C-alpha atoms as a PDB file:
ATOM      1  CA  MET A   1      90.740  97.995 107.052  1.00  0.00           C
ATOM      2  CA  GLU A   2      93.398 100.187 108.636  1.00  0.00           C
ATOM      3  CA  LEU A   3      92.104 102.571 111.299  1.00  0.00           C
ATOM      4  CA  GLY A   4      93.958 105.668 112.379  1.00  0.00           C
ATOM      5  CA  ILE A   5      93.970 109.163 113.815  1.00  0.00           C
ATOM      6  CA  SER A   6      94.441 112.402 111.881  1.00  0.00           C
ATOM      7  CA  THR A   7      95.022 115.761 113.559  1.00  0.00           C
ATOM      8  CA  PHE A   8      95.833 119.332 112.591  1.00  0.00           C
ATOM      9  CA  GLY A   9      97.043 120.110 116.106  1.00  0.00           C
ATOM     10  CA  GLU A  10      94.677 122.968 116.925  1.00  0.00           C
ATOM     11  CA  VAL A  11      96.219 125.424 119.356  1.00  0.00           C
ATOM     12  CA  HIS A  12      95.199 128.669 121.059  1.00  0.00           C
ATOM     13  CA  PRO A  13      97.640 131.164 119.486  1.00  0.00           C
ATOM     14  CA  ASP A  14     100.254 132.495 121.896  1.00  0.00           C
ATOM     15  CA  GLY A  15     100.572 135.772 119.975  1.00  0.00           C
ATOM     16  CA  VAL A  16     104.215 136.160 120.957  1.00  0.00           C
ATOM     17  CA  ALA A  17     107.530 136.148 119.101  1.00  0.00           C
ATOM     18  CA  GLY A  18     109.077 133.683 121.544  1.00  0.00           C
ATOM     19  CA  LYS A  19     108.307 131.548 124.600  1.00  0.00           C
ATOM     20  CA  ALA A  20     105.211 130.016 123.022  1.00  0.00           C
ATOM     21  CA  ILE A  21     103.755 128.283 126.081  1.00  0.00           C
ATOM     22  CA  ASN A  22     100.513 127.082 124.463  1.00  0.00           C
ATOM     23  CA  ALA A  23     102.361 125.728 121.427  1.00  0.00           C
ATOM     24  CA  HIS A  24     104.835 123.889 123.635  1.00  0.00           C
ATOM     25  CA  GLU A  25     102.063 122.265 125.675  1.00  0.00           C
ATOM     26  CA  ARG A  26     100.104 121.304 122.578  1.00  0.00           C
ATOM     27  CA  MET A  27     103.134 119.674 120.969  1.00  0.00           C
ATOM     28  CA  GLN A  28     103.675 117.547 124.076  1.00  0.00           C
ATOM     29  CA  GLU A  29     100.008 116.548 123.904  1.00  0.00           C
ATOM     30  CA  LEU A  30     100.386 115.475 120.278  1.00  0.00           C
ATOM     31  CA  ILE A  31     103.301 113.228 121.186  1.00  0.00           C
ATOM     32  CA  ALA A  32     101.199 111.676 123.955  1.00  0.00           C
ATOM     33  CA  GLU A  33      98.311 111.157 121.516  1.00  0.00           C
ATOM     34  CA  GLY A  34     100.563 109.377 119.030  1.00  0.00           C
ATOM     35  CA  LYS A  35     102.041 107.220 121.778  1.00  0.00           C
ATOM     36  CA  LEU A  36      98.596 106.180 123.030  1.00  0.00           C
ATOM     37  CA  ALA A  37      97.339 105.474 119.496  1.00  0.00           C
ATOM     38  CA  ASP A  38     100.260 103.075 119.087  1.00  0.00           C
ATOM     39  CA  GLU A  39      99.681 101.433 122.462  1.00  0.00           C
ATOM     40  CA  VAL A  40      95.975 100.723 121.782  1.00  0.00           C
ATOM     41  CA  GLY A  41      96.796  99.138 118.430  1.00  0.00           C
ATOM     42  CA  LEU A  42      95.680 101.736 115.903  1.00  0.00           C
ATOM     43  CA  ASP A  43      97.324 101.526 112.492  1.00  0.00           C
ATOM     44  CA  VAL A  44      98.066 105.129 111.494  1.00  0.00           C
ATOM     45  CA  PHE A  45      98.817 108.484 113.127  1.00  0.00           C
ATOM     46  CA  ALA A  46      98.750 111.456 110.769  1.00  0.00           C
ATOM     47  CA  VAL A  47      99.416 115.180 111.239  1.00  0.00           C
ATOM     48  CA  GLY A  48      98.406 117.913 108.796  1.00  0.00           C
ATOM     49  CA  GLU A  49     100.545 120.788 107.530  1.00  0.00           C
ATOM     50  CA  HIS A  50      99.251 124.332 108.017  1.00  0.00           C
ATOM     51  CA  HIS A  51     100.789 127.792 108.236  1.00  0.00           C
ATOM     52  CA  ARG A  52      98.236 129.500 110.476  1.00  0.00           C
ATOM     53  CA  PRO A  53      98.271 130.653 114.101  1.00  0.00           C
ATOM     54  CA  ASP A  54      95.460 128.257 115.087  1.00  0.00           C
ATOM     55  CA  PHE A  55      97.216 125.055 113.942  1.00  0.00           C
ATOM     56  CA  ILE A  56     100.587 123.980 115.277  1.00  0.00           C
ATOM     57  CA  ILE A  57     101.945 121.666 112.568  1.00  0.00           C
ATOM     58  CA  SER A  58     103.909 123.444 109.837  1.00  0.00           C
ATOM     59  CA  ALA A  59     106.557 120.684 109.621  1.00  0.00           C
ATOM     60  CA  PRO A  60     104.793 117.287 109.773  1.00  0.00           C
ATOM     61  CA  GLU A  61     108.035 115.341 109.338  1.00  0.00           C
ATOM     62  CA  VAL A  62     109.570 116.887 112.449  1.00  0.00           C
ATOM     63  CA  ALA A  63     106.513 116.270 114.621  1.00  0.00           C
ATOM     64  CA  LEU A  64     106.248 112.710 113.335  1.00  0.00           C
ATOM     65  CA  ALA A  65     109.930 112.086 114.089  1.00  0.00           C
ATOM     66  CA  ALA A  66     109.258 112.943 117.732  1.00  0.00           C
ATOM     67  CA  ILE A  67     106.302 110.556 117.740  1.00  0.00           C
ATOM     68  CA  ALA A  68     108.429 107.891 116.051  1.00  0.00           C
ATOM     69  CA  ALA A  69     110.779 107.981 119.033  1.00  0.00           C
ATOM     70  CA  VAL A  70     108.005 106.934 121.461  1.00  0.00           C
ATOM     71  CA  THR A  71     106.125 104.443 119.245  1.00  0.00           C
ATOM     72  CA  LYS A  72     106.865 101.009 117.803  1.00  0.00           C
ATOM     73  CA  ASN A  73     104.318  99.903 115.216  1.00  0.00           C
ATOM     74  CA  ILE A  74     101.990 102.682 114.095  1.00  0.00           C
ATOM     75  CA  ARG A  75     102.343 104.124 110.577  1.00  0.00           C
ATOM     76  CA  LEU A  76     103.348 107.811 110.551  1.00  0.00           C
ATOM     77  CA  SER A  77     101.826 110.011 107.866  1.00  0.00           C
ATOM     78  CA  SER A  78     101.186 113.600 106.934  1.00  0.00           C
ATOM     79  CA  SER A  79      97.575 114.665 106.460  1.00  0.00           C
ATOM     80  CA  VAL A  80      98.368 116.506 104.278  1.00  0.00           C
ATOM     81  CA  THR A  81     101.713 117.684 102.968  1.00  0.00           C
ATOM     82  CA  VAL A  82     100.911 120.839 100.972  1.00  0.00           C
ATOM     83  CA  LEU A  83     102.925 119.791  97.958  1.00  0.00           C
ATOM     84  CA  SER A  84     101.972 122.776  95.777  1.00  0.00           C
ATOM     85  CA  SER A  85     104.089 125.145  97.883  1.00  0.00           C
ATOM     86  CA  ALA A  86     106.829 122.689  98.896  1.00  0.00           C
ATOM     87  CA  ASP A  87     110.022 121.475  97.252  1.00  0.00           C
ATOM     88  CA  PRO A  88     109.500 117.796  96.329  1.00  0.00           C
ATOM     89  CA  VAL A  89     113.197 117.076  96.842  1.00  0.00           C
ATOM     90  CA  ARG A  90     113.077 118.281 100.441  1.00  0.00           C
ATOM     91  CA  VAL A  91     109.736 116.584 101.050  1.00  0.00           C
ATOM     92  CA  PHE A  92     111.220 113.278  99.937  1.00  0.00           C
ATOM     93  CA  GLN A  93     114.428 113.763 101.938  1.00  0.00           C
ATOM     94  CA  ASN A  94     112.528 114.676 105.105  1.00  0.00           C
ATOM     95  CA  PHE A  95     110.173 111.713 104.883  1.00  0.00           C
ATOM     96  CA  ALA A  96     112.992 109.355 103.924  1.00  0.00           C
ATOM     97  CA  THR A  97     114.789 110.513 107.071  1.00  0.00           C
ATOM     98  CA  LEU A  98     111.616 109.885 109.074  1.00  0.00           C
ATOM     99  CA  ASP A  99     111.426 106.437 107.514  1.00  0.00           C
ATOM    100  CA  LEU A 100     114.953 105.611 108.638  1.00  0.00           C
ATOM    101  CA  LEU A 101     114.248 106.878 112.153  1.00  0.00           C
ATOM    102  CA  SER A 102     110.995 104.899 112.432  1.00  0.00           C
ATOM    103  CA  ASN A 103     112.229 101.608 110.936  1.00  0.00           C
ATOM    104  CA  GLY A 104     110.105 101.995 107.809  1.00  0.00           C
ATOM    105  CA  ARG A 105     106.839 103.533 109.056  1.00  0.00           C
ATOM    106  CA  ALA A 106     106.732 106.828 107.124  1.00  0.00           C
ATOM    107  CA  GLU A 107     104.087 107.796 104.575  1.00  0.00           C
ATOM    108  CA  ILE A 108     103.280 110.935 102.583  1.00  0.00           C
ATOM    109  CA  LEU A 109      99.700 112.095 102.083  1.00  0.00           C
ATOM    110  CA  ALA A 110     100.162 114.762  99.419  1.00  0.00           C
ATOM    111  CA  GLY A 111      97.543 117.339  98.534  1.00  0.00           C
ATOM    112  CA  ARG A 112      96.832 120.905  97.549  1.00  0.00           C
ATOM    113  CA  GLY A 113      95.688 121.768 101.063  1.00  0.00           C
ATOM    114  CA  SER A 114      92.415 123.411 102.040  1.00  0.00           C
ATOM    115  CA  PHE A 115      94.068 126.681 103.112  1.00  0.00           C
ATOM    116  CA  ILE A 116      96.163 129.029 100.983  1.00  0.00           C
ATOM    117  CA  GLU A 117      98.519 130.738 103.470  1.00  0.00           C
ATOM    118  CA  SER A 118     101.534 128.774 102.256  1.00  0.00           C
ATOM    119  CA  PHE A 119     101.367 130.264  98.737  1.00  0.00           C
ATOM    120  CA  PRO A 120     102.343 133.859  99.565  1.00  0.00           C
ATOM    121  CA  LEU A 121     104.555 132.653 102.426  1.00  0.00           C
ATOM    122  CA  PHE A 122     106.766 130.670 100.048  1.00  0.00           C
ATOM    123  CA  GLY A 123     106.456 133.021  97.093  1.00  0.00           C
ATOM    124  CA  TYR A 124     103.982 131.180  94.866  1.00  0.00           C
ATOM    125  CA  ASP A 125     101.124 132.571  92.797  1.00  0.00           C
ATOM    126  CA  LEU A 126      97.728 131.176  93.713  1.00  0.00           C
ATOM    127  CA  GLN A 127      96.771 131.321  90.028  1.00  0.00           C
ATOM    128  CA  ASP A 128      99.209 128.432  89.516  1.00  0.00           C
ATOM    129  CA  TYR A 129      97.380 126.342  92.139  1.00  0.00           C
ATOM    130  CA  ASN A 130      96.677 123.314  89.926  1.00  0.00           C
ATOM    131  CA  GLU A 131      99.762 123.420  87.720  1.00  0.00           C
ATOM    132  CA  LEU A 132     102.065 123.604  90.727  1.00  0.00           C
ATOM    133  CA  PHE A 133     100.557 120.517  92.294  1.00  0.00           C
ATOM    134  CA  ILE A 134     100.586 118.423  89.127  1.00  0.00           C
ATOM    135  CA  GLU A 135     104.202 119.298  88.355  1.00  0.00           C
ATOM    136  CA  LYS A 136     105.463 118.740  91.880  1.00  0.00           C
ATOM    137  CA  LEU A 137     103.596 115.471  92.267  1.00  0.00           C
ATOM    138  CA  ASP A 138     105.268 114.258  89.086  1.00  0.00           C
ATOM    139  CA  LEU A 139     108.711 115.100  90.484  1.00  0.00           C
ATOM    140  CA  LEU A 140     108.009 113.554  93.892  1.00  0.00           C
ATOM    141  CA  VAL A 141     106.892 110.283  92.302  1.00  0.00           C
ATOM    142  CA  LYS A 142     109.988 110.189  90.074  1.00  0.00           C
ATOM    143  CA  ILE A 143     112.311 110.738  93.036  1.00  0.00           C
ATOM    144  CA  ASN A 144     110.527 107.972  94.917  1.00  0.00           C
ATOM    145  CA  GLN A 145     110.989 105.584  92.003  1.00  0.00           C
ATOM    146  CA  SER A 146     114.630 106.284  91.215  1.00  0.00           C
ATOM    147  CA  GLU A 147     117.759 107.166  93.175  1.00  0.00           C
ATOM    148  CA  VAL A 148     119.151 109.279  90.327  1.00  0.00           C
ATOM    149  CA  VAL A 149     116.784 111.723  88.663  1.00  0.00           C
ATOM    150  CA  SER A 150     116.673 113.821  85.505  1.00  0.00           C
ATOM    151  CA  TRP A 151     113.655 116.121  85.374  1.00  0.00           C
ATOM    152  CA  LYS A 152     112.494 119.418  83.924  1.00  0.00           C
ATOM    153  CA  GLY A 153     109.418 121.486  84.739  1.00  0.00           C
ATOM    154  CA  LYS A 154     107.992 125.000  84.618  1.00  0.00           C
ATOM    155  CA  PHE A 155     108.171 126.190  88.228  1.00  0.00           C
ATOM    156  CA  ARG A 156     111.351 124.613  89.545  1.00  0.00           C
ATOM    157  CA  ALA A 157     114.969 124.469  88.367  1.00  0.00           C
ATOM    158  CA  PRO A 158     115.655 121.294  86.359  1.00  0.00           C
ATOM    159  CA  ILE A 159     117.547 118.324  87.765  1.00  0.00           C
ATOM    160  CA  HIS A 160     120.229 116.769  85.578  1.00  0.00           C
ATOM    161  CA  ASN A 161     121.167 113.211  86.533  1.00  0.00           C
ATOM    162  CA  LEU A 162     121.451 113.888  90.262  1.00  0.00           C
ATOM    163  CA  GLY A 163     120.938 111.571  93.225  1.00  0.00           C
ATOM    164  CA  VAL A 164     118.450 112.397  95.977  1.00  0.00           C
ATOM    165  CA  TYR A 165     119.432 111.187  99.446  1.00  0.00           C
ATOM    166  CA  PRO A 166     118.878 109.629 101.875  1.00  0.00           C
ATOM    167  CA  ARG A 167     116.846 106.748 100.499  1.00  0.00           C
ATOM    168  CA  PRO A 168     114.119 105.303 102.720  1.00  0.00           C
ATOM    169  CA  TYR A 169     114.232 102.100 104.752  1.00  0.00           C
ATOM    170  CA  GLN A 170     111.187 100.863 102.835  1.00  0.00           C
ATOM    171  CA  GLU A 171     111.597  99.910  99.188  1.00  0.00           C
ATOM    172  CA  SER A 172     109.805 103.172  98.418  1.00  0.00           C
ATOM    173  CA  LEU A 173     107.770 105.665 100.410  1.00  0.00           C
ATOM    174  CA  PRO A 174     103.997 105.145 100.267  1.00  0.00           C
ATOM    175  CA  ILE A 175     102.594 108.281  98.613  1.00  0.00           C
ATOM    176  CA  TRP A 176      98.857 108.820  99.029  1.00  0.00           C
ATOM    177  CA  LEU A 177      96.896 111.487  97.183  1.00  0.00           C
ATOM    178  CA  ALA A 178      94.544 113.619  99.301  1.00  0.00           C
ATOM    179  CA  VAL A 179      91.412 114.799  97.490  1.00  0.00           C
ATOM    180  CA  GLY A 180      88.278 116.716  98.367  1.00  0.00           C
ATOM    181  CA  GLY A 181      85.916 115.788  95.555  1.00  0.00           C
ATOM    182  CA  THR A 182      87.388 117.103  92.285  1.00  0.00           C
ATOM    183  CA  PRO A 183      86.834 114.454  89.550  1.00  0.00           C
ATOM    184  CA  GLY A 184      90.167 115.199  87.890  1.00  0.00           C
ATOM    185  CA  SER A 185      91.963 114.347  91.125  1.00  0.00           C
ATOM    186  CA  ALA A 186      90.268 110.952  91.345  1.00  0.00           C
ATOM    187  CA  ILE A 187      91.157 110.134  87.745  1.00  0.00           C
ATOM    188  CA  ARG A 188      94.763 111.264  88.286  1.00  0.00           C
ATOM    189  CA  ALA A 189      95.153 109.096  91.383  1.00  0.00           C
ATOM    190  CA  GLY A 190      93.784 106.048  89.585  1.00  0.00           C
ATOM    191  CA  LYS A 191      95.944 106.469  86.504  1.00  0.00           C
ATOM    192  CA  MET A 192      99.093 107.080  88.556  1.00  0.00           C
ATOM    193  CA  ASN A 193      98.460 104.042  90.778  1.00  0.00           C
ATOM    194  CA  LEU A 194      98.435 106.236  93.886  1.00  0.00           C
ATOM    195  CA  PRO A 195      96.294 105.367  96.914  1.00  0.00           C
ATOM    196  CA  MET A 196      93.638 108.044  97.397  1.00  0.00           C
ATOM    197  CA  THR A 197      92.248 109.520 100.608  1.00  0.00           C
ATOM    198  CA  LEU A 198      88.916 111.315 100.348  1.00  0.00           C
ATOM    199  CA  ALA A 199      87.991 113.861 103.010  1.00  0.00           C
ATOM    200  CA  ILE A 200      84.260 113.800 103.750  1.00  0.00           C
ATOM    201  CA  LEU A 201      83.655 116.814 105.961  1.00  0.00           C
ATOM    202  CA  GLY A 202      80.174 117.745 104.795  1.00  0.00           C
ATOM    203  CA  GLY A 203      77.260 116.369 102.804  1.00  0.00           C
ATOM    204  CA  ARG A 204      75.965 112.830 102.753  1.00  0.00           C
ATOM    205  CA  PRO A 205      78.697 110.170 102.304  1.00  0.00           C
ATOM    206  CA  SER A 206      76.444 108.425  99.783  1.00  0.00           C
ATOM    207  CA  GLN A 207      76.883 111.468  97.529  1.00  0.00           C
ATOM    208  CA  TYR A 208      80.560 110.520  97.107  1.00  0.00           C
ATOM    209  CA  VAL A 209      79.971 106.998  95.781  1.00  0.00           C
ATOM    210  CA  SER A 210      80.119 108.072  92.134  1.00  0.00           C
ATOM    211  CA  PHE A 211      83.330 109.990  92.840  1.00  0.00           C
ATOM    212  CA  VAL A 212      84.967 106.927  94.402  1.00  0.00           C
ATOM    213  CA  ASN A 213      83.751 104.801  91.497  1.00  0.00           C
ATOM    214  CA  LEU A 214      85.495 107.199  89.128  1.00  0.00           C
ATOM    215  CA  TYR A 215      88.751 106.549  90.977  1.00  0.00           C
ATOM    216  CA  LYS A 216      88.203 102.784  90.873  1.00  0.00           C
ATOM    217  CA  GLN A 217      87.378 102.900  87.165  1.00  0.00           C
ATOM    218  CA  SER A 218      90.477 104.910  86.229  1.00  0.00           C
ATOM    219  CA  TYR A 219      92.616 102.591  88.371  1.00  0.00           C
ATOM    220  CA  LYS A 220      91.225  99.522  86.615  1.00  0.00           C
ATOM    221  CA  GLU A 221      91.441 101.003  83.113  1.00  0.00           C
ATOM    222  CA  ALA A 222      95.105 101.871  83.704  1.00  0.00           C
ATOM    223  CA  GLY A 223      95.790  98.169  84.243  1.00  0.00           C
ATOM    224  CA  HIS A 224      96.912  98.327  87.878  1.00  0.00           C
ATOM    225  CA  ASP A 225      96.783  95.283  90.164  1.00  0.00           C
ATOM    226  CA  PRO A 226      93.308  95.034  91.809  1.00  0.00           C
ATOM    227  CA  ALA A 227      94.860  93.241  94.791  1.00  0.00           C
ATOM    228  CA  LYS A 228      96.908  96.348  95.617  1.00  0.00           C
ATOM    229  CA  PHE A 229      94.011  98.822  95.425  1.00  0.00           C
ATOM    230  CA  GLN A 230      93.876 101.231  98.385  1.00  0.00           C
ATOM    231  CA  LEU A 231      91.318 103.874  99.326  1.00  0.00           C
ATOM    232  CA  GLY A 232      91.101 105.995 102.465  1.00  0.00           C
ATOM    233  CA  ILE A 233      88.222 107.971 103.961  1.00  0.00           C
ATOM    234  CA  ASN A 234      88.909 110.865 106.338  1.00  0.00           C
ATOM    235  CA  SER A 235      86.140 112.330 108.544  1.00  0.00           C
ATOM    236  CA  GLN A 236      85.887 114.345 111.737  1.00  0.00           C
ATOM    237  CA  PHE A 237      85.121 112.319 114.834  1.00  0.00           C
ATOM    238  CA  TYR A 238      84.767 112.189 118.596  1.00  0.00           C
ATOM    239  CA  ILE A 239      83.780 109.271 120.819  1.00  0.00           C
ATOM    240  CA  ALA A 240      82.383 109.233 124.359  1.00  0.00           C
ATOM    241  CA  GLU A 241      80.532 106.609 126.379  1.00  0.00           C
ATOM    242  CA  THR A 242      77.132 107.868 125.144  1.00  0.00           C
ATOM    243  CA  SER A 243      75.884 109.706 122.089  1.00  0.00           C
ATOM    244  CA  GLN A 244      74.626 112.675 124.089  1.00  0.00           C
ATOM    245  CA  GLN A 245      77.890 113.030 125.959  1.00  0.00           C
ATOM    246  CA  ALA A 246      79.872 112.913 122.709  1.00  0.00           C
ATOM    247  CA  GLN A 247      77.725 115.565 121.046  1.00  0.00           C
ATOM    248  CA  ASN A 248      77.693 117.872 124.065  1.00  0.00           C
ATOM    249  CA  GLU A 249      81.461 117.683 124.526  1.00  0.00           C
ATOM    250  CA  PHE A 250      82.317 118.010 120.836  1.00  0.00           C
ATOM    251  CA  TRP A 251      79.853 120.696 119.740  1.00  0.00           C
ATOM    252  CA  PRO A 252      81.462 123.822 121.309  1.00  0.00           C
ATOM    253  CA  SER A 253      84.863 123.174 119.712  1.00  0.00           C
ATOM    254  CA  TYR A 254      83.348 122.080 116.410  1.00  0.00           C
ATOM    255  CA  GLU A 255      81.164 125.190 116.258  1.00  0.00           C
ATOM    256  CA  LYS A 256      84.104 127.510 116.886  1.00  0.00           C
ATOM    257  CA  LEU A 257      86.305 125.786 114.303  1.00  0.00           C
ATOM    258  CA  MET A 258      83.694 125.621 111.558  1.00  0.00           C
ATOM    259  CA  ASN A 259      82.448 129.166 112.105  1.00  0.00           C
ATOM    260  CA  ARG A 260      85.990 130.567 112.282  1.00  0.00           C
ATOM    261  CA  VAL A 261      86.885 128.923 108.979  1.00  0.00           C
ATOM    262  CA  GLY A 262      83.416 129.600 107.591  1.00  0.00           C
ATOM    263  CA  LYS A 263      83.729 133.324 108.260  1.00  0.00           C
ATOM    264  CA  GLU A 264      86.924 133.388 106.188  1.00  0.00           C
ATOM    265  CA  ARG A 265      85.177 131.594 103.328  1.00  0.00           C
ATOM    266  CA  GLY A 266      81.794 133.297 103.427  1.00  0.00           C
ATOM    267  CA  TRP A 267      79.788 130.376 104.816  1.00  0.00           C
ATOM    268  CA  SER A 268      76.657 130.815 106.904  1.00  0.00           C
ATOM    269  CA  PRO A 269      77.158 130.067 110.621  1.00  0.00           C
ATOM    270  CA  ILE A 270      76.566 126.425 111.515  1.00  0.00           C
ATOM    271  CA  THR A 271      73.745 125.640 113.928  1.00  0.00           C
ATOM    272  CA  ARG A 272      73.372 122.939 116.562  1.00  0.00           C
ATOM    273  CA  GLU A 273      70.539 121.463 114.516  1.00  0.00           C
ATOM    274  CA  GLN A 274      72.791 121.133 111.457  1.00  0.00           C
ATOM    275  CA  PHE A 275      75.462 119.567 113.622  1.00  0.00           C
ATOM    276  CA  GLU A 276      73.099 116.964 115.053  1.00  0.00           C
ATOM    277  CA  TYR A 277      71.828 116.204 111.549  1.00  0.00           C
ATOM    278  CA  SER A 278      75.431 115.499 110.484  1.00  0.00           C
ATOM    279  CA  CYS A 279      75.772 113.058 113.389  1.00  0.00           C
ATOM    280  CA  LEU A 280      72.929 110.846 112.100  1.00  0.00           C
ATOM    281  CA  PRO A 281      73.846 107.338 110.847  1.00  0.00           C
ATOM    282  CA  ASP A 282      74.100 108.509 107.221  1.00  0.00           C
ATOM    283  CA  GLY A 283      75.813 111.819 108.063  1.00  0.00           C
ATOM    284  CA  PRO A 284      79.476 112.810 107.689  1.00  0.00           C
ATOM    285  CA  LEU A 285      80.403 113.240 111.385  1.00  0.00           C
ATOM    286  CA  PHE A 286      81.608 110.279 113.447  1.00  0.00           C
ATOM    287  CA  VAL A 287      80.443 111.723 116.753  1.00  0.00           C
ATOM    288  CA  GLY A 288      78.777 109.341 119.176  1.00  0.00           C
ATOM    289  CA  SER A 289      79.152 106.225 121.298  1.00  0.00           C
ATOM    290  CA  PRO A 290      81.587 103.431 120.342  1.00  0.00           C
ATOM    291  CA  GLN A 291      78.756 101.369 118.854  1.00  0.00           C
ATOM    292  CA  GLN A 292      77.503 104.276 116.761  1.00  0.00           C
ATOM    293  CA  VAL A 293      80.983 104.841 115.355  1.00  0.00           C
ATOM    294  CA  ILE A 294      81.356 101.117 114.653  1.00  0.00           C
ATOM    295  CA  ASP A 295      78.047 101.097 112.778  1.00  0.00           C
ATOM    296  CA  LYS A 296      78.957 104.177 110.760  1.00  0.00           C
ATOM    297  CA  ILE A 297      82.358 102.797 109.718  1.00  0.00           C
ATOM    298  CA  LEU A 298      80.717  99.562 108.606  1.00  0.00           C
ATOM    299  CA  TYR A 299      77.995 101.498 106.771  1.00  0.00           C
ATOM    300  CA  GLN A 300      80.607 103.459 104.838  1.00  0.00           C
ATOM    301  CA  SER A 301      82.547 100.261 104.165  1.00  0.00           C
ATOM    302  CA  GLU A 302      79.501  99.002 102.297  1.00  0.00           C
ATOM    303  CA  LEU A 303      79.401 102.255 100.313  1.00  0.00           C
ATOM    304  CA  PHE A 304      83.076 102.538  99.418  1.00  0.00           C
ATOM    305  CA  ASN A 305      84.835  99.255 100.286  1.00  0.00           C
ATOM    306  CA  HIS A 306      87.728 101.400 101.487  1.00  0.00           C
ATOM    307  CA  THR A 307      90.922 100.038 103.021  1.00  0.00           C
ATOM    308  CA  ARG A 308      91.663 102.851 105.508  1.00  0.00           C
ATOM    309  CA  PHE A 309      89.679 105.151 107.770  1.00  0.00           C
ATOM    310  CA  LEU A 310      91.324 108.219 109.316  1.00  0.00           C
ATOM    311  CA  ALA A 311      89.434 109.749 112.214  1.00  0.00           C
ATOM    312  CA  GLN A 312      90.133 113.478 112.255  1.00  0.00           C
ATOM    313  CA  MET A 313      90.414 114.864 115.762  1.00  0.00           C
ATOM    314  CA  VAL A 314      89.046 118.323 116.557  1.00  0.00           C
ATOM    315  CA  LYS A 315      90.386 119.318 119.979  1.00  0.00           C
ATOM    316  CA  GLY A 316      89.542 122.980 120.407  1.00  0.00           C
ATOM    317  CA  SER A 317      88.679 123.516 124.069  1.00  0.00           C
ATOM    318  CA  ILE A 318      88.121 119.822 124.831  1.00  0.00           C
ATOM    319  CA  PRO A 319      90.345 118.784 127.786  1.00  0.00           C
ATOM    320  CA  HIS A 320      93.267 116.646 126.716  1.00  0.00           C
ATOM    321  CA  GLU A 321      92.276 113.752 128.959  1.00  0.00           C
ATOM    322  CA  LYS A 322      89.004 113.480 127.017  1.00  0.00           C
ATOM    323  CA  ILE A 323      90.902 113.423 123.719  1.00  0.00           C
ATOM    324  CA  LEU A 324      93.027 110.588 125.113  1.00  0.00           C
ATOM    325  CA  LYS A 325      89.844 108.789 126.202  1.00  0.00           C
ATOM    326  CA  THR A 326      88.475 109.088 122.663  1.00  0.00           C
ATOM    327  CA  ILE A 327      91.661 107.554 121.257  1.00  0.00           C
ATOM    328  CA  GLU A 328      91.481 104.776 123.856  1.00  0.00           C
ATOM    329  CA  LEU A 329      87.867 103.978 122.986  1.00  0.00           C
ATOM    330  CA  PHE A 330      88.696 104.032 119.286  1.00  0.00           C
ATOM    331  CA  GLY A 331      91.549 101.568 119.714  1.00  0.00           C
ATOM    332  CA  THR A 332      90.062  99.243 122.329  1.00  0.00           C
ATOM    333  CA  LYS A 333      86.323  99.285 121.591  1.00  0.00           C
ATOM    334  CA  VAL A 334      85.799 100.370 117.982  1.00  0.00           C
ATOM    335  CA  ALA A 335      88.769  98.987 116.032  1.00  0.00           C
ATOM    336  CA  PRO A 336      88.502  95.344 117.197  1.00  0.00           C
ATOM    337  CA  GLU A 337      84.778  95.172 116.432  1.00  0.00           C
ATOM    338  CA  VAL A 338      85.160  96.800 113.014  1.00  0.00           C
ATOM    339  CA  LYS A 339      87.942  94.436 112.001  1.00  0.00           C
ATOM    340  CA  LYS A 340      86.040  91.420 113.343  1.00  0.00           C
ATOM    341  CA  ALA A 341      82.894  92.356 111.413  1.00  0.00           C
ATOM    342  CA  LEU A 342      84.808  92.991 108.183  1.00  0.00           C
ATOM    343  CA  ALA A 343      86.680  89.678 108.507  1.00  0.00           C
ATOM    344  CA  LEU A 344      83.389  87.809 108.933  1.00  0.00           C
ATOM    345  CA  SER A 345      81.870  89.523 105.913  1.00  0.00           C
ATOM    346  CA  LYS A 346      84.593  88.303 103.527  1.00  0.00           C
END
């Protein structure tokens, strides 16, 4: 199993037109986080695209290029690229450039995105939410498969026998499909032979078993190679030396994030009791001691038999040195034990 970090790069908005001090500091922190993740042997570092004042990453490829310059081995991925409101040609070109810069470590995690700010920003109608994604995913996959492309769709100008450059260092860019639980998305990923990453941010993980099985079934029925099957799970996490320390340090930032987003979406405010319930062994949050996180990863491995786990960082007001400590514990304490246990179970 590959183990990695995912982050949206939360930032306290500067609220200025220029000289964004908080944004500058946070970007330097992200580079340091990616560098440390590489040094402690983690497999993936992923940054998510947003177009909001409270998240710093609007151009994942650019941020990842900076991280590529200070790392050697770690895979560099978006989490996610909001493909519905992007131009697939530019997405491919940007990630192909990242791939050349990083000696073949770039990946795309494409999705609809959980926020909608990019639609009006780039002139798209939210009513076309699903159609936009399906059409643009089709074009992105075609570009990835062929140097010269002919293509026609509904929302974008057609392409008539044109080359898309540069080409990546890898034979092709790994394109993962990010999903949140819609059955049609799981079936699409399986049929298209695309690795799927499922975000489990709420509810019992066991509730998602049937959803994952739908993906596996569609993959198998489409005749794809079982040996190349890939599945990722993405969940929020935070590690400290003890369970109580982890919960106490993580809760204030988690509460602010969830209630800020929840207010926008009409959710009831989250309580400390609900939070602690989510931290239980069968809950969705990976918040606890190294051993608790190890046990939870192995528990979910039995549920899903997934090939990748992305630990989603929530920084908020947590001091950066504690975020770095979490990454260190993940790479030096958790990852070796997880991989050892999974190797012994085969």
